[in-house]
């Protein structure tokens, strides 16, 4: 069975004479972990404009990518997330007041990172609304164990 990526490559080499396919085409085929490693190993003059697209410093984006990969792997392998301590990402100053220091290695901050990125990648996404609905549907889950501060959903950061 032909994969999506192989069909992209076949189309590319049938219609174009360039020696290499475009970057976006390659990124369709690689894992999130490889994306993170490519970003980490890139020079600052390449990383800076990418991070700027997300309103972040390149070191912060690198840290976030690593944190999100760890979280993704935990989820992919059915690991426990609700009271787990994760890799502690670099927190931008603009979010220091919204992300408590004691929560910086917990699920709350990871959700905050996804919220920030989704606002840029898919403006209009209802990811954060779905997160709130999921949490509200399970009132017995101890939010503090996941790093969620009291009244988290009323924070200006979340903009529901």
C-alpha atoms as a PDB file:
ATOM      1  CA  UNK A   1       0.000   0.000   0.000  1.00  0.00           C
ATOM      2  CA  UNK A   2       1.356   3.399  -0.971  1.00  0.00           C
ATOM      3  CA  UNK A   3       1.793   5.801   1.918  1.00  0.00           C
ATOM      4  CA  UNK A   4       0.703   9.419   1.838  1.00  0.00           C
ATOM      5  CA  UNK A   5       4.322  10.571   1.918  1.00  0.00           C
ATOM      6  CA  UNK A   6       5.417   8.284  -0.900  1.00  0.00           C
ATOM      7  CA  UNK A   7       2.535   9.575  -3.030  1.00  0.00           C
ATOM      8  CA  UNK A   8       3.670  13.148  -2.293  1.00  0.00           C
ATOM      9  CA  UNK A   9       7.212  12.296  -3.347  1.00  0.00           C
ATOM     10  CA  UNK A  10       6.028  10.530  -6.467  1.00  0.00           C
ATOM     11  CA  UNK A  11       3.966  13.573  -7.440  1.00  0.00           C
ATOM     12  CA  UNK A  12       6.875  15.909  -6.686  1.00  0.00           C
ATOM     13  CA  UNK A  13       9.432  14.044  -8.783  1.00  0.00           C
ATOM     14  CA  UNK A  14       6.940  13.552 -11.611  1.00  0.00           C
ATOM     15  CA  UNK A  15       6.153  17.269 -11.877  1.00  0.00           C
ATOM     16  CA  UNK A  16       9.303  19.089 -10.692  1.00  0.00           C
ATOM     17  CA  UNK A  17      12.990  18.989 -11.491  1.00  0.00           C
ATOM     18  CA  UNK A  18      14.259  20.173  -8.116  1.00  0.00           C
ATOM     19  CA  UNK A  19      16.721  17.763  -6.457  1.00  0.00           C
ATOM     20  CA  UNK A  20      14.993  17.940  -3.063  1.00  0.00           C
ATOM     21  CA  UNK A  21      11.341  18.206  -2.099  1.00  0.00           C
ATOM     22  CA  UNK A  22      10.218  21.299  -0.186  1.00  0.00           C
ATOM     23  CA  UNK A  23      10.654  21.439   3.565  1.00  0.00           C
ATOM     24  CA  UNK A  24       6.925  21.212   4.297  1.00  0.00           C
ATOM     25  CA  UNK A  25       6.747  17.935   2.396  1.00  0.00           C
ATOM     26  CA  UNK A  26       9.532  16.388   4.436  1.00  0.00           C
ATOM     27  CA  UNK A  27       7.989  17.607   7.688  1.00  0.00           C
ATOM     28  CA  UNK A  28       4.777  15.787   6.740  1.00  0.00           C
ATOM     29  CA  UNK A  29       6.675  12.514   7.052  1.00  0.00           C
ATOM     30  CA  UNK A  30       8.845  12.934  10.133  1.00  0.00           C
ATOM     31  CA  UNK A  31       7.850  12.425  13.740  1.00  0.00           C
ATOM     32  CA  UNK A  32       7.340  15.186  16.275  1.00  0.00           C
ATOM     33  CA  UNK A  33      10.522  14.024  18.007  1.00  0.00           C
ATOM     34  CA  UNK A  34      12.533  14.430  14.816  1.00  0.00           C
ATOM     35  CA  UNK A  35      11.040  17.903  14.310  1.00  0.00           C
ATOM     36  CA  UNK A  36      12.239  18.821  17.795  1.00  0.00           C
ATOM     37  CA  UNK A  37      15.736  17.457  17.155  1.00  0.00           C
ATOM     38  CA  UNK A  38      15.990  19.249  13.808  1.00  0.00           C
ATOM     39  CA  UNK A  39      14.939  22.478  15.513  1.00  0.00           C
ATOM     40  CA  UNK A  40      17.372  21.970  18.397  1.00  0.00           C
ATOM     41  CA  UNK A  41      20.306  21.298  16.067  1.00  0.00           C
ATOM     42  CA  UNK A  42      19.534  24.229  13.756  1.00  0.00           C
ATOM     43  CA  UNK A  43      21.554  27.418  14.051  1.00  0.00           C
ATOM     44  CA  UNK A  44      20.095  30.374  15.914  1.00  0.00           C
ATOM     45  CA  UNK A  45      19.549  32.380  12.737  1.00  0.00           C
ATOM     46  CA  UNK A  46      17.181  29.619  11.570  1.00  0.00           C
ATOM     47  CA  UNK A  47      15.539  28.967  14.939  1.00  0.00           C
ATOM     48  CA  UNK A  48      14.860  32.607  15.781  1.00  0.00           C
ATOM     49  CA  UNK A  49      12.355  33.328  12.987  1.00  0.00           C
ATOM     50  CA  UNK A  50      10.553  30.039  13.619  1.00  0.00           C
ATOM     51  CA  UNK A  51      10.191  30.836  17.320  1.00  0.00           C
ATOM     52  CA  UNK A  52       9.142  34.399  16.489  1.00  0.00           C
ATOM     53  CA  UNK A  53       6.163  32.978  14.591  1.00  0.00           C
ATOM     54  CA  UNK A  54       4.995  31.661  17.959  1.00  0.00           C
ATOM     55  CA  UNK A  55       5.876  34.814  19.886  1.00  0.00           C
ATOM     56  CA  UNK A  56       8.655  33.008  21.744  1.00  0.00           C
ATOM     57  CA  UNK A  57      12.428  33.143  22.127  1.00  0.00           C
ATOM     58  CA  UNK A  58      14.120  30.222  20.355  1.00  0.00           C
ATOM     59  CA  UNK A  59      15.387  28.706  23.620  1.00  0.00           C
ATOM     60  CA  UNK A  60      11.858  28.735  25.020  1.00  0.00           C
ATOM     61  CA  UNK A  61      10.409  27.041  21.933  1.00  0.00           C
ATOM     62  CA  UNK A  62      13.133  24.392  22.113  1.00  0.00           C
ATOM     63  CA  UNK A  63      12.251  23.751  25.752  1.00  0.00           C
ATOM     64  CA  UNK A  64       8.535  23.571  24.948  1.00  0.00           C
ATOM     65  CA  UNK A  65       9.069  21.129  22.095  1.00  0.00           C
ATOM     66  CA  UNK A  66      11.035  18.855  24.409  1.00  0.00           C
ATOM     67  CA  UNK A  67       8.364  19.076  27.123  1.00  0.00           C
ATOM     68  CA  UNK A  68       5.587  18.346  24.660  1.00  0.00           C
ATOM     69  CA  UNK A  69       7.461  15.348  23.238  1.00  0.00           C
ATOM     70  CA  UNK A  70       7.850  13.870  26.709  1.00  0.00           C
ATOM     71  CA  UNK A  71       4.135  14.432  27.376  1.00  0.00           C
ATOM     72  CA  UNK A  72       3.180  12.995  23.988  1.00  0.00           C
ATOM     73  CA  UNK A  73       5.224   9.877  24.669  1.00  0.00           C
ATOM     74  CA  UNK A  74       3.629   9.416  28.079  1.00  0.00           C
ATOM     75  CA  UNK A  75       0.177   9.682  26.488  1.00  0.00           C
ATOM     76  CA  UNK A  76       1.068   7.447  23.530  1.00  0.00           C
ATOM     77  CA  UNK A  77       2.157   4.700  25.900  1.00  0.00           C
ATOM     78  CA  UNK A  78      -0.908   5.057  28.136  1.00  0.00           C
ATOM     79  CA  UNK A  79       1.115   6.587  30.918  1.00  0.00           C
ATOM     80  CA  UNK A  80      -0.327   8.378  33.887  1.00  0.00           C
ATOM     81  CA  UNK A  81      -0.584  12.162  33.394  1.00  0.00           C
ATOM     82  CA  UNK A  82      -2.930  13.446  36.071  1.00  0.00           C
ATOM     83  CA  UNK A  83      -0.417  13.789  38.920  1.00  0.00           C
ATOM     84  CA  UNK A  84       2.820  13.240  37.048  1.00  0.00           C
ATOM     85  CA  UNK A  85       5.864  15.496  37.174  1.00  0.00           C
ATOM     86  CA  UNK A  86       7.118  16.284  33.679  1.00  0.00           C
ATOM     87  CA  UNK A  87      10.241  17.925  32.286  1.00  0.00           C
ATOM     88  CA  UNK A  88      10.194  21.529  33.512  1.00  0.00           C
ATOM     89  CA  UNK A  89       9.972  23.870  30.493  1.00  0.00           C
ATOM     90  CA  UNK A  90      11.320  27.397  30.302  1.00  0.00           C
ATOM     91  CA  UNK A  91       8.487  29.775  31.173  1.00  0.00           C
ATOM     92  CA  UNK A  92       8.314  33.074  29.288  1.00  0.00           C
ATOM     93  CA  UNK A  93       8.023  36.169  31.472  1.00  0.00           C
ATOM     94  CA  UNK A  94       4.660  36.984  29.905  1.00  0.00           C
ATOM     95  CA  UNK A  95       3.185  33.840  31.495  1.00  0.00           C
ATOM     96  CA  UNK A  96       4.955  33.880  34.859  1.00  0.00           C
ATOM     97  CA  UNK A  97       1.880  35.317  36.591  1.00  0.00           C
ATOM     98  CA  UNK A  98      -0.435  32.745  34.989  1.00  0.00           C
ATOM     99  CA  UNK A  99       1.683  29.638  35.519  1.00  0.00           C
ATOM    100  CA  UNK A 100       2.513  29.151  39.214  1.00  0.00           C
ATOM    101  CA  UNK A 101       6.094  28.144  39.969  1.00  0.00           C
ATOM    102  CA  UNK A 102       4.941  25.029  41.805  1.00  0.00           C
ATOM    103  CA  UNK A 103       2.994  23.928  38.684  1.00  0.00           C
ATOM    104  CA  UNK A 104       5.728  24.381  36.117  1.00  0.00           C
ATOM    105  CA  UNK A 105       6.455  20.669  35.787  1.00  0.00           C
ATOM    106  CA  UNK A 106       2.824  19.579  35.837  1.00  0.00           C
ATOM    107  CA  UNK A 107       0.027  19.040  33.340  1.00  0.00           C
ATOM    108  CA  UNK A 108      -1.404  22.547  33.797  1.00  0.00           C
ATOM    109  CA  UNK A 109       1.615  24.223  32.230  1.00  0.00           C
ATOM    110  CA  UNK A 110       1.670  21.701  29.380  1.00  0.00           C
ATOM    111  CA  UNK A 111      -1.969  22.551  28.694  1.00  0.00           C
ATOM    112  CA  UNK A 112      -1.046  26.230  28.803  1.00  0.00           C
ATOM    113  CA  UNK A 113       1.715  25.658  26.261  1.00  0.00           C
ATOM    114  CA  UNK A 114      -0.687  23.839  23.934  1.00  0.00           C
ATOM    115  CA  UNK A 115      -3.224  26.652  24.376  1.00  0.00           C
ATOM    116  CA  UNK A 116      -0.597  29.251  23.423  1.00  0.00           C
ATOM    117  CA  UNK A 117       0.532  27.292  20.362  1.00  0.00           C
ATOM    118  CA  UNK A 118      -3.001  26.465  19.212  1.00  0.00           C
ATOM    119  CA  UNK A 119      -4.001  30.139  19.261  1.00  0.00           C
ATOM    120  CA  UNK A 120      -1.280  30.703  16.666  1.00  0.00           C
ATOM    121  CA  UNK A 121      -1.401  27.476  14.666  1.00  0.00           C
ATOM    122  CA  UNK A 122      -5.182  27.134  14.532  1.00  0.00           C
ATOM    123  CA  UNK A 123      -6.792  30.391  15.595  1.00  0.00           C
ATOM    124  CA  UNK A 124     -10.425  29.636  16.227  1.00  0.00           C
ATOM    125  CA  UNK A 125      -9.682  26.136  17.508  1.00  0.00           C
ATOM    126  CA  UNK A 126     -11.884  25.024  20.374  1.00  0.00           C
ATOM    127  CA  UNK A 127      -9.126  22.955  21.993  1.00  0.00           C
ATOM    128  CA  UNK A 128      -9.151  25.030  25.184  1.00  0.00           C
ATOM    129  CA  UNK A 129     -12.939  24.949  25.409  1.00  0.00           C
ATOM    130  CA  UNK A 130     -12.852  21.161  25.055  1.00  0.00           C
ATOM    131  CA  UNK A 131     -10.198  21.002  27.794  1.00  0.00           C
ATOM    132  CA  UNK A 132     -12.433  23.020  30.125  1.00  0.00           C
ATOM    133  CA  UNK A 133     -15.440  20.821  29.270  1.00  0.00           C
ATOM    134  CA  UNK A 134     -13.416  17.675  29.939  1.00  0.00           C
ATOM    135  CA  UNK A 135     -12.292  18.986  33.313  1.00  0.00           C
ATOM    136  CA  UNK A 136     -15.787  20.191  34.245  1.00  0.00           C
ATOM    137  CA  UNK A 137     -17.230  16.781  33.327  1.00  0.00           C
ATOM    138  CA  UNK A 138     -15.016  15.192  35.978  1.00  0.00           C
ATOM    139  CA  UNK A 139     -15.541  17.238  39.153  1.00  0.00           C
ATOM    140  CA  UNK A 140     -13.980  14.577  41.393  1.00  0.00           C
ATOM    141  CA  UNK A 141     -10.574  14.790  39.705  1.00  0.00           C
ATOM    142  CA  UNK A 142      -8.203  16.735  41.982  1.00  0.00           C
ATOM    143  CA  UNK A 143      -7.072  19.615  39.759  1.00  0.00           C
ATOM    144  CA  UNK A 144      -4.420  20.718  42.242  1.00  0.00           C
ATOM    145  CA  UNK A 145      -2.617  17.405  41.659  1.00  0.00           C
ATOM    146  CA  UNK A 146      -2.241  18.418  38.016  1.00  0.00           C
ATOM    147  CA  UNK A 147      -0.997  21.901  38.883  1.00  0.00           C
ATOM    148  CA  UNK A 148      -4.241  23.700  38.032  1.00  0.00           C
ATOM    149  CA  UNK A 149      -4.699  26.722  40.295  1.00  0.00           C
ATOM    150  CA  UNK A 150      -8.115  27.450  41.779  1.00  0.00           C
ATOM    151  CA  UNK A 151     -10.347  29.334  39.357  1.00  0.00           C
ATOM    152  CA  UNK A 152      -7.866  28.638  36.534  1.00  0.00           C
ATOM    153  CA  UNK A 153     -10.544  29.057  33.892  1.00  0.00           C
ATOM    154  CA  UNK A 154     -11.181  32.677  34.916  1.00  0.00           C
ATOM    155  CA  UNK A 155      -7.575  33.666  34.196  1.00  0.00           C
ATOM    156  CA  UNK A 156      -7.162  36.170  31.359  1.00  0.00           C
ATOM    157  CA  UNK A 157      -4.634  33.754  29.879  1.00  0.00           C
ATOM    158  CA  UNK A 158      -7.323  31.253  28.860  1.00  0.00           C
ATOM    159  CA  UNK A 159      -9.712  33.741  27.188  1.00  0.00           C
ATOM    160  CA  UNK A 160     -12.755  31.447  27.082  1.00  0.00           C
END
